[in-house]
């Protein structure tokens, strides 16, 4: 194979490579454009539903304006200092989960933040 035929062969390989690359890029562009059109259609449907819901909410609000306002309800204050019922429920849940014949004794209950455990788990089980 002489030098001229090597150059022609190299030019053919280059041309075929360029055609394949640009054909692949054209296919990707067409696919992305198609996806954009599909998502625009989905967003249009969502926006139409949201507008319909807003109109319905406005109609309900207008209808509620005509009604007399109910008497204000006082908030229920829950006593959080007495947690004996909560401790009993937790102990019963643990006893049911362990399914053993041993008697469960709760020695101490303390509140902990879930963020501490989540941060530790993120650092330990990262990989």
Protein backbone atom coordinates (compact mmCIF):
# COMPACT_ATOMS: atom_id res chain seq x y z
CA UNK A 1 0.00 0.00 0.00
CA UNK A 2 1.60 3.22 -1.12
CA UNK A 3 1.43 6.63 0.52
CA UNK A 4 -1.38 7.98 -1.71
CA UNK A 5 -3.71 5.08 -0.99
CA UNK A 6 -3.02 5.47 2.75
CA UNK A 7 -4.05 9.13 2.55
CA UNK A 8 -7.24 8.25 0.64
CA UNK A 9 -8.07 5.51 3.15
CA UNK A 10 -7.47 7.90 6.06
CA UNK A 11 -9.71 10.53 4.45
CA UNK A 12 -12.46 7.93 4.00
CA UNK A 13 -12.23 6.86 7.66
CA UNK A 14 -12.29 10.51 8.73
CA UNK A 15 -15.33 11.26 6.57
CA UNK A 16 -17.20 8.21 7.86
CA UNK A 17 -16.35 9.16 11.46
CA UNK A 18 -17.57 12.73 10.95
CA UNK A 19 -20.81 11.52 9.35
CA UNK A 20 -21.46 9.09 12.20
CA UNK A 21 -20.77 11.72 14.87
CA UNK A 22 -22.98 14.37 13.27
CA UNK A 23 -25.72 11.84 12.59
CA UNK A 24 -25.62 10.84 16.27
CA UNK A 25 -25.77 14.50 17.30
CA UNK A 26 -28.73 15.10 15.00
CA UNK A 27 -30.55 12.12 16.53
CA UNK A 28 -29.84 13.44 20.05
CA UNK A 29 -31.10 16.91 19.11
CA UNK A 30 -34.27 15.45 17.62
CA UNK A 31 -34.85 13.30 20.71
CA UNK A 32 -34.34 16.23 23.10
CA UNK A 33 -36.65 18.43 21.04
CA UNK A 34 -39.31 15.71 21.07
CA UNK A 35 -38.96 15.33 24.84
CA UNK A 36 -39.31 19.10 25.27
CA UNK A 37 -42.55 19.08 23.28
CA UNK A 38 -43.94 16.20 25.33
CA UNK A 39 -43.08 17.92 28.62
CA UNK A 40 -44.56 21.22 27.42
CA UNK A 41 -47.80 19.36 26.71
CA UNK A 42 -47.77 17.78 30.17
CA UNK A 43 -47.07 21.17 31.79
CA UNK A 44 -49.91 22.74 29.81
CA UNK A 45 -52.30 20.08 31.13
CA UNK A 46 -51.05 20.64 34.70
CA UNK A 47 -51.44 24.39 34.36
CA UNK A 48 -54.97 23.96 33.01
CA UNK A 49 -55.87 21.74 35.98
CA UNK A 50 -54.27 24.22 38.40
CA UNK A 51 -56.22 27.10 36.83
CA UNK A 52 -59.44 25.09 37.11
CA UNK A 53 -58.67 24.31 40.76
CA UNK A 54 -57.95 27.99 41.41
CA UNK A 55 -61.27 28.97 39.85
CA UNK A 56 -63.05 26.36 41.97
CA UNK A 57 -61.27 27.58 45.11
CA UNK A 58 -62.25 31.16 44.26
CA UNK A 59 -65.87 30.06 43.84
CA UNK A 60 -65.76 28.30 47.21
CA UNK A 61 -64.20 31.37 48.80
CA UNK A 62 -66.92 33.60 47.36
CA UNK A 63 -69.55 31.16 48.64
CA UNK A 64 -67.95 31.12 52.12
CA UNK A 65 -67.95 34.92 52.31
CA UNK A 66 -71.73 34.85 52.27
CA UNK A 67 -71.85 32.45 55.25
CA UNK A 68 -71.54 33.78 58.81
CA UNK A 69 -68.19 33.12 60.42
CA UNK A 70 -68.18 30.29 62.99
CA UNK A 71 -67.22 31.00 66.58
CA UNK A 72 -63.47 30.78 67.18
CA UNK A 73 -62.34 27.47 68.60
CA UNK A 74 -59.81 27.50 71.37
CA UNK A 75 -56.76 25.34 70.73
CA UNK A 76 -56.46 22.17 72.76
CA UNK A 77 -53.43 22.27 74.99
CA UNK A 78 -51.83 18.88 75.45
CA UNK A 79 -49.94 18.19 78.64
CA UNK A 80 -46.51 16.98 77.59
CA UNK A 81 -45.10 16.67 81.07
CA UNK A 82 -46.91 13.39 81.85
CA UNK A 83 -45.53 10.84 79.41
CA UNK A 84 -46.45 7.71 81.33
CA UNK A 85 -49.07 6.76 78.74
CA UNK A 86 -46.56 7.29 75.94
CA UNK A 87 -43.98 5.16 77.76
CA UNK A 88 -46.54 2.38 78.19
CA UNK A 89 -47.38 2.45 74.47
CA UNK A 90 -43.71 2.36 73.48
CA UNK A 91 -43.01 -0.48 75.89
CA UNK A 92 -45.97 -2.45 74.55
CA UNK A 93 -44.80 -1.92 70.98
CA UNK A 94 -41.29 -3.10 71.81
CA UNK A 95 -42.63 -6.13 73.69
CA UNK A 96 -44.86 -7.04 70.74
CA UNK A 97 -41.99 -6.64 68.32
CA UNK A 98 -39.49 -8.75 70.25
CA UNK A 99 -41.98 -11.61 70.72
CA UNK A 100 -40.16 -13.12 73.68
CA UNK A 101 -41.40 -14.37 77.03
CA UNK A 102 -39.11 -12.05 78.97
CA UNK A 103 -40.66 -9.21 80.91
CA UNK A 104 -39.79 -5.78 79.54
CA UNK A 105 -38.76 -3.15 82.06
CA UNK A 106 -38.39 0.48 81.01
CA UNK A 107 -35.73 2.06 83.17
CA UNK A 108 -35.40 5.47 81.58
CA UNK A 109 -37.02 7.40 78.76
CA UNK A 110 -35.33 10.41 77.28
CA UNK A 111 -36.09 12.44 74.20
CA UNK A 112 -33.41 12.56 71.55
CA UNK A 113 -33.31 14.46 68.34
CA UNK A 114 -33.55 12.43 65.17
CA UNK A 115 -31.12 14.80 63.50
CA UNK A 116 -28.19 13.45 65.52
CA UNK A 117 -28.81 9.92 64.33
CA UNK A 118 -29.42 11.07 60.76
CA UNK A 119 -26.14 12.99 60.71
CA UNK A 120 -24.24 10.04 62.14
CA UNK A 121 -25.82 7.67 59.61
CA UNK A 122 -24.94 10.04 56.78
CA UNK A 123 -21.29 10.09 57.84
CA UNK A 124 -20.97 6.37 58.59
CA UNK A 125 -23.04 4.89 55.77
CA UNK A 126 -22.05 7.36 53.09
CA UNK A 127 -20.49 4.80 50.79
